Amino acid sequence: MKPTNDLDFMGLRRLAAALSIALVVLSAVSLGVRQLNLGLDFTGGALVELRYSEPVDLAAVRTQLADAGFADARVQYFGTEQDLLIRMAEQFQPSLGDQVAEVLQANAEGLVQLQRSEYVGAQVGEELREQGGLALLLALVVVMGYIAFRFQYKFAFGAVAALVHDVVVTLGIFSLFQFEFDLTVLAALLALIGYSLNDTIVVSDRIRENFRKVRKGSPAEVINLSLNQTIERTLITSLTTLLVLLALFFFGGETIHHFALALIIGVVVGTYSSIYVASNLLLTMGIAREDLLVPVKEGAELDDRP
């Protein structure tokens, strides 16, 4: 039923399953041992806003702060190239803003004015962690309910497993390499759920269609056919998305650096999971043509042929 030049995706399903399990276990171990490198949005710290009399270079400001002992300072523009927002994991003191302004004033050509200096409390960070976790959990529950209604419960389990796989592996990579996890990364994870779900639904829709159309062939062959029919669309979507994310990663500035990084990892992992994780679980749960046939109403004619 399949041309000889088709890719045999399901022929590698056991190898893919082993790889997925290994990635999830490694990610879980890293999250348990190394944990996430939480940013100031979650841990609390000092925030300093400054205004320069003329445009200033962010890289130069970061170097000046690092030389003065503020190695963990995060610097970003705040509206214009003359306004800076500096976040530091320093213990807050009333004089901290003045200290930072003095350090930068000594290396500035124009005037540096302190606009505000305040503390972002850990209590706010705790609330953000809880709300972020609830948002992720709610998104997964809603997705599961939608796909169970739209397709079938086996598809729902497969889709949610793929989404959990994507989120856990992305978090695991952030934990393993100790990339900073802040609110922008949390937003990226929520965006990743939507992106990965879109790919999974496209593949699931084609699988359902082929199970109803193709009279002969095993479930593995039908799924393989469906993946071959959608692989071009999947790769084109992923590659064009990656091009945009790579541009944001390299040229978007420090503010969205980790946001872009999380999505780059997520798109790569999500493309893999939409091909192997969700489809693999369908076979494991014993998906069959009978599961996807349209129910015939009682009293309806089953066959119009004479």
Protein backbone atom coordinates (compact mmCIF):
# COMPACT_ATOMS: atom_id res chain seq x y z
CA MET A 1 0.00 0.00 0.00
CA LYS A 2 2.96 2.33 0.36
CA PRO A 3 5.46 3.41 -2.30
CA THR A 4 8.98 2.14 -1.84
CA ASN A 5 10.36 5.66 -1.59
CA ASP A 6 8.26 6.49 1.51
CA LEU A 7 10.07 6.96 4.80
CA ASP A 8 9.48 4.18 7.30
CA PHE A 9 8.88 6.30 10.42
CA MET A 10 7.20 3.56 12.40
CA GLY A 11 10.06 1.18 11.65
CA LEU A 12 12.11 3.28 14.08
CA ARG A 13 9.40 3.60 16.73
CA ARG A 14 11.16 1.40 19.31
CA LEU A 15 14.38 3.36 18.95
CA ALA A 16 12.40 6.62 19.16
CA ALA A 17 10.57 5.38 22.27
CA ALA A 18 13.87 4.55 23.95
CA LEU A 19 15.25 7.98 23.05
CA SER A 20 12.15 9.76 24.37
CA ILE A 21 12.20 7.83 27.65
CA ALA A 22 15.91 8.57 28.08
CA LEU A 23 15.39 12.30 27.44
CA VAL A 24 12.47 12.53 29.88
CA VAL A 25 14.32 10.59 32.60
CA LEU A 26 17.49 12.67 32.14
CA SER A 27 15.41 15.86 32.27
CA ALA A 28 13.58 14.73 35.41
CA VAL A 29 16.86 13.84 37.13
CA SER A 30 18.39 17.20 36.20
CA LEU A 31 15.30 19.06 37.43
CA GLY A 32 15.44 17.13 40.70
CA VAL A 33 19.20 17.51 41.29
CA ARG A 34 20.29 20.75 39.60
CA GLN A 35 16.83 22.35 39.52
CA LEU A 36 16.07 25.45 37.47
CA ASN A 37 18.20 28.56 37.53
CA LEU A 38 15.33 30.88 38.47
CA GLY A 39 15.54 34.51 37.43
CA LEU A 40 14.72 37.55 39.51
CA ASP A 41 11.06 37.32 38.49
CA PHE A 42 10.84 34.24 40.72
CA THR A 43 13.58 34.64 43.32
CA GLY A 44 13.35 38.35 44.08
CA GLY A 45 16.12 40.94 43.90
CA ALA A 46 16.92 44.57 43.25
CA LEU A 47 15.66 46.69 40.38
CA VAL A 48 17.32 49.96 39.35
CA GLU A 49 16.11 52.35 36.66
CA LEU A 50 18.54 54.92 35.24
CA ARG A 51 18.33 57.68 32.63
CA TYR A 52 21.30 58.76 30.53
CA SER A 53 21.51 62.17 28.92
CA GLU A 54 22.48 60.48 25.63
CA PRO A 55 22.14 57.00 24.07
CA VAL A 56 24.24 54.31 25.76
CA ASP A 57 25.54 50.89 24.69
CA LEU A 58 24.18 47.95 26.72
CA ALA A 59 27.34 45.84 26.33
CA ALA A 60 29.48 48.63 27.75
CA VAL A 61 27.14 49.04 30.75
CA ARG A 62 27.24 45.29 31.47
CA THR A 63 31.04 45.33 31.36
CA GLN A 64 31.21 48.32 33.72
CA LEU A 65 28.86 46.66 36.21
CA ALA A 66 30.75 43.35 36.06
CA ASP A 67 34.04 45.14 36.70
CA ALA A 68 32.45 46.81 39.74
CA GLY A 69 31.36 43.46 41.20
CA PHE A 70 27.77 43.29 39.90
CA ALA A 71 28.44 40.21 37.77
CA ASP A 72 24.85 38.97 37.65
CA ALA A 73 23.27 42.25 36.55
CA ARG A 74 20.75 42.08 33.71
CA VAL A 75 20.60 45.26 31.67
CA GLN A 76 17.97 46.22 29.13
CA TYR A 77 16.59 49.29 27.45
CA PHE A 78 13.45 50.66 29.05
CA GLY A 79 11.59 52.51 26.31
CA THR A 80 14.51 54.39 24.73
CA GLU A 81 18.25 53.91 24.34
CA GLN A 82 18.75 56.49 27.09
CA ASP A 83 16.66 54.68 29.71
CA LEU A 84 18.01 51.51 31.31
CA LEU A 85 16.43 48.92 33.58
CA ILE A 86 18.93 46.93 35.64
CA ARG A 87 17.99 43.81 37.61
CA MET A 88 20.34 42.24 40.14
CA ALA A 89 20.14 39.37 42.60
CA GLU A 90 21.73 41.62 45.20
CA GLN A 91 20.43 41.99 48.73
CA PHE A 92 18.52 45.24 48.52
CA GLN A 93 19.84 48.31 50.34
CA PRO A 94 18.54 51.89 50.08
CA SER A 95 21.94 53.00 48.78
CA LEU A 96 22.21 50.31 46.08
CA GLY A 97 20.73 52.53 43.36
CA ASP A 98 23.15 55.33 44.18
CA GLN A 99 26.09 52.89 44.10
CA VAL A 100 25.12 51.63 40.66
CA ALA A 101 24.61 55.20 39.38
CA GLU A 102 28.03 56.23 40.68
CA VAL A 103 29.76 53.30 38.98
CA LEU A 104 28.13 54.08 35.65
CA GLN A 105 28.54 57.86 35.98
CA ALA A 106 32.29 57.40 36.33
CA ASN A 107 32.41 55.81 32.88
CA ALA A 108 29.73 57.90 31.15
CA GLU A 109 30.26 60.89 28.91
CA GLY A 110 26.98 62.52 29.89
CA LEU A 111 24.82 62.66 32.98
CA VAL A 112 23.39 59.51 34.64
CA GLN A 113 20.28 60.03 36.76
CA LEU A 114 18.74 57.51 39.15
CA GLN A 115 15.00 57.22 38.45
CA ARG A 116 14.05 54.52 40.95
CA SER A 117 15.52 51.75 43.06
CA GLU A 118 13.29 49.07 44.57
CA TYR A 119 13.08 45.48 45.72
CA VAL A 120 11.19 42.69 43.90
CA GLY A 121 10.10 40.43 46.75
CA ALA A 122 10.42 36.65 46.85
CA GLN A 123 6.74 36.47 47.84
CA VAL A 124 5.85 37.77 44.38
CA GLY A 125 8.17 35.17 42.89
CA GLU A 126 6.45 32.38 44.80
CA GLU A 127 3.07 33.55 43.53
CA LEU A 128 4.39 33.66 39.96
CA ARG A 129 5.71 30.10 40.26
CA GLU A 130 2.37 28.80 41.48
CA GLN A 131 0.33 30.64 38.87
CA GLY A 132 2.71 29.63 36.10
CA GLY A 133 2.51 25.97 37.08
CA LEU A 134 -1.28 26.14 37.26
CA ALA A 135 -1.38 27.78 33.82
CA LEU A 136 0.67 24.94 32.32
CA LEU A 137 -1.46 22.28 34.02
CA LEU A 138 -4.72 23.93 32.95
CA ALA A 139 -3.48 24.19 29.36
CA LEU A 140 -2.72 20.45 29.28
CA VAL A 141 -6.14 19.54 30.75
CA VAL A 142 -7.99 21.74 28.25
CA VAL A 143 -5.96 20.26 25.38
CA MET A 144 -6.75 16.73 26.51
CA GLY A 145 -10.48 17.48 26.69
CA TYR A 146 -10.51 19.17 23.29
CA ILE A 147 -8.72 16.36 21.45
CA ALA A 148 -10.81 13.67 23.16
CA PHE A 149 -13.92 15.50 21.93
CA ARG A 150 -12.51 16.27 18.48
CA PHE A 151 -10.92 12.88 17.78
CA GLN A 152 -10.88 10.04 20.30
CA TYR A 153 -9.51 9.46 23.80
CA LYS A 154 -6.45 7.56 22.50
CA PHE A 155 -5.50 10.61 20.46
CA ALA A 156 -5.96 12.76 23.57
CA PHE A 157 -3.53 10.66 25.62
CA GLY A 158 -1.03 10.68 22.76
CA ALA A 159 -1.26 14.45 22.26
CA VAL A 160 -0.95 15.28 25.96
CA ALA A 161 1.96 12.86 26.35
CA ALA A 162 3.70 14.62 23.45
CA LEU A 163 3.10 18.03 25.06
CA VAL A 164 4.36 16.84 28.46
CA HIS A 165 7.39 15.34 26.68
CA ASP A 166 8.13 18.69 24.99
CA VAL A 167 7.76 20.77 28.16
CA VAL A 168 9.77 18.38 30.37
CA VAL A 169 12.63 18.04 27.87
CA THR A 170 12.78 21.82 27.34
CA LEU A 171 12.84 22.39 31.11
CA GLY A 172 15.44 19.64 31.45
CA ILE A 173 17.76 21.35 28.97
CA PHE A 174 17.36 24.66 30.84
CA SER A 175 18.15 22.85 34.07
CA LEU A 176 21.07 20.85 32.69
CA PHE A 177 22.84 23.89 31.22
CA GLN A 178 21.57 26.26 33.93
CA PHE A 179 20.04 28.72 31.49
CA GLU A 180 18.10 31.38 33.37
CA PHE A 181 14.40 30.63 33.77
CA ASP A 182 12.27 33.77 33.97
CA LEU A 183 8.79 34.91 33.01
CA THR A 184 9.68 35.11 29.32
CA VAL A 185 10.66 31.43 29.35
CA LEU A 186 7.40 30.54 31.08
CA ALA A 187 5.56 32.43 28.33
CA ALA A 188 7.59 30.49 25.76
CA LEU A 189 6.49 27.19 27.32
CA LEU A 190 2.84 28.19 27.03
CA ALA A 191 3.42 29.22 23.41
CA LEU A 192 5.19 25.90 22.82
CA ILE A 193 2.09 24.00 23.96
CA GLY A 194 0.06 25.77 21.29
CA TYR A 195 2.67 25.26 18.59
CA SER A 196 3.23 21.58 19.32
CA LEU A 197 -0.52 20.96 19.60
CA ASN A 198 -1.07 22.44 16.14
CA ASP A 199 1.39 19.99 14.59
CA THR A 200 -0.09 17.06 16.48
CA ILE A 201 -3.64 17.91 15.41
CA VAL A 202 -2.63 18.09 11.74
CA VAL A 203 -1.03 14.64 11.94
CA SER A 204 -3.94 13.22 13.97
CA ASP A 205 -6.47 14.53 11.47
CA ARG A 206 -4.67 12.81 8.60
CA ILE A 207 -4.37 9.57 10.59
CA ARG A 208 -8.11 9.59 11.29
CA GLU A 209 -8.88 10.31 7.63
CA ASN A 210 -6.66 7.49 6.38
CA PHE A 211 -8.03 4.98 8.88
CA ARG A 212 -11.48 5.66 7.41
CA LYS A 213 -10.35 5.65 3.75
CA VAL A 214 -7.75 2.88 3.62
CA ARG A 215 -9.43 -0.53 3.69
CA LYS A 216 -6.29 -2.63 3.86
CA GLY A 217 -3.12 -2.25 5.83
CA SER A 218 -2.05 -2.52 9.44
CA PRO A 219 -2.36 0.42 11.87
CA ALA A 220 1.41 0.94 11.62
CA GLU A 221 1.17 1.20 7.83
CA VAL A 222 -1.75 3.64 7.99
CA ILE A 223 0.10 5.86 10.49
CA ASN A 224 3.25 5.65 8.40
CA LEU A 225 1.29 6.74 5.32
CA SER A 226 -0.20 9.66 7.23
CA LEU A 227 3.19 10.82 8.49
CA ASN A 228 4.62 10.71 4.98
CA GLN A 229 1.73 12.80 3.71
CA THR A 230 2.21 15.48 6.39
CA ILE A 231 6.01 15.49 6.82
CA GLU A 232 6.61 18.16 4.17
CA ARG A 233 4.14 20.53 5.82
CA THR A 234 5.60 19.79 9.26
CA LEU A 235 9.19 20.48 8.18
CA ILE A 236 8.35 23.66 6.26
CA THR A 237 6.41 25.04 9.25
CA SER A 238 9.22 24.16 11.67
CA LEU A 239 11.99 25.57 9.48
CA THR A 240 10.24 28.87 8.82
CA THR A 241 9.47 29.22 12.54
CA LEU A 242 13.08 28.45 13.41
CA LEU A 243 14.34 31.13 11.02
CA VAL A 244 12.30 33.76 12.86
CA LEU A 245 13.37 32.45 16.27
CA LEU A 246 17.04 32.38 15.30
CA ALA A 247 16.76 36.02 14.21
CA LEU A 248 15.22 36.88 17.59
CA PHE A 249 17.87 34.85 19.41
CA PHE A 250 20.84 36.57 17.76
CA PHE A 251 19.46 40.07 17.17
CA GLY A 252 16.54 40.48 19.57
CA GLY A 253 18.58 41.58 22.56
CA GLU A 254 18.99 40.19 26.06
CA THR A 255 15.36 40.77 27.05
CA ILE A 256 13.98 38.02 24.79
CA HIS A 257 17.15 35.94 24.49
CA HIS A 258 15.95 33.09 26.70
CA PHE A 259 12.41 33.34 25.31
CA ALA A 260 13.76 32.67 21.83
CA LEU A 261 16.07 29.92 23.12
CA ALA A 262 13.20 28.09 24.84
CA LEU A 263 11.11 28.21 21.68
CA ILE A 264 14.01 27.04 19.49
CA ILE A 265 14.49 24.01 21.74
CA GLY A 266 10.74 23.48 21.91
CA VAL A 267 10.17 23.64 18.15
CA VAL A 268 12.89 21.05 17.50
CA VAL A 269 11.64 18.74 20.25
CA GLY A 270 8.01 19.38 19.31
CA THR A 271 8.57 18.47 15.67
CA TYR A 272 10.13 15.20 16.77
CA SER A 273 7.33 14.44 19.26
CA SER A 274 4.51 15.12 16.79
CA ILE A 275 6.04 12.48 14.51
CA TYR A 276 7.09 9.86 17.03
CA VAL A 277 5.66 10.36 20.52
CA ALA A 278 1.96 10.87 19.75
CA SER A 279 1.89 8.37 16.86
CA ASN A 280 3.92 5.83 18.80
CA LEU A 281 1.45 5.92 21.69
CA LEU A 282 -1.47 5.37 19.31
CA LEU A 283 0.09 2.06 18.27
CA THR A 284 0.91 1.17 21.87
CA MET A 285 -2.73 1.73 22.88
CA GLY A 286 -3.92 -0.42 20.00
CA ILE A 287 -5.59 2.13 17.74
CA ALA A 288 -7.74 0.45 15.09
CA ARG A 289 -10.01 1.43 12.22
CA GLU A 290 -13.09 0.57 14.28
CA ASP A 291 -12.16 3.28 16.81
CA LEU A 292 -12.54 6.00 14.19
CA LEU A 293 -15.56 4.93 12.15
CA VAL A 294 -18.41 7.43 12.13
CA PRO A 295 -21.27 6.02 14.24
CA VAL A 296 -24.32 5.04 12.20
CA LYS A 297 -27.61 6.31 13.59
CA GLU A 298 -30.19 3.71 14.43
CA GLY A 299 -32.55 3.17 11.50
CA ALA A 300 -30.21 4.72 8.92
CA GLU A 301 -29.54 2.80 5.77
CA LEU A 302 -26.11 1.19 5.88
CA ASP A 303 -25.85 0.59 2.16
CA ASP A 304 -27.66 2.33 -0.67
CA ARG A 305 -26.46 -0.14 -3.27
CA PRO A 306 -29.13 -2.31 -4.94
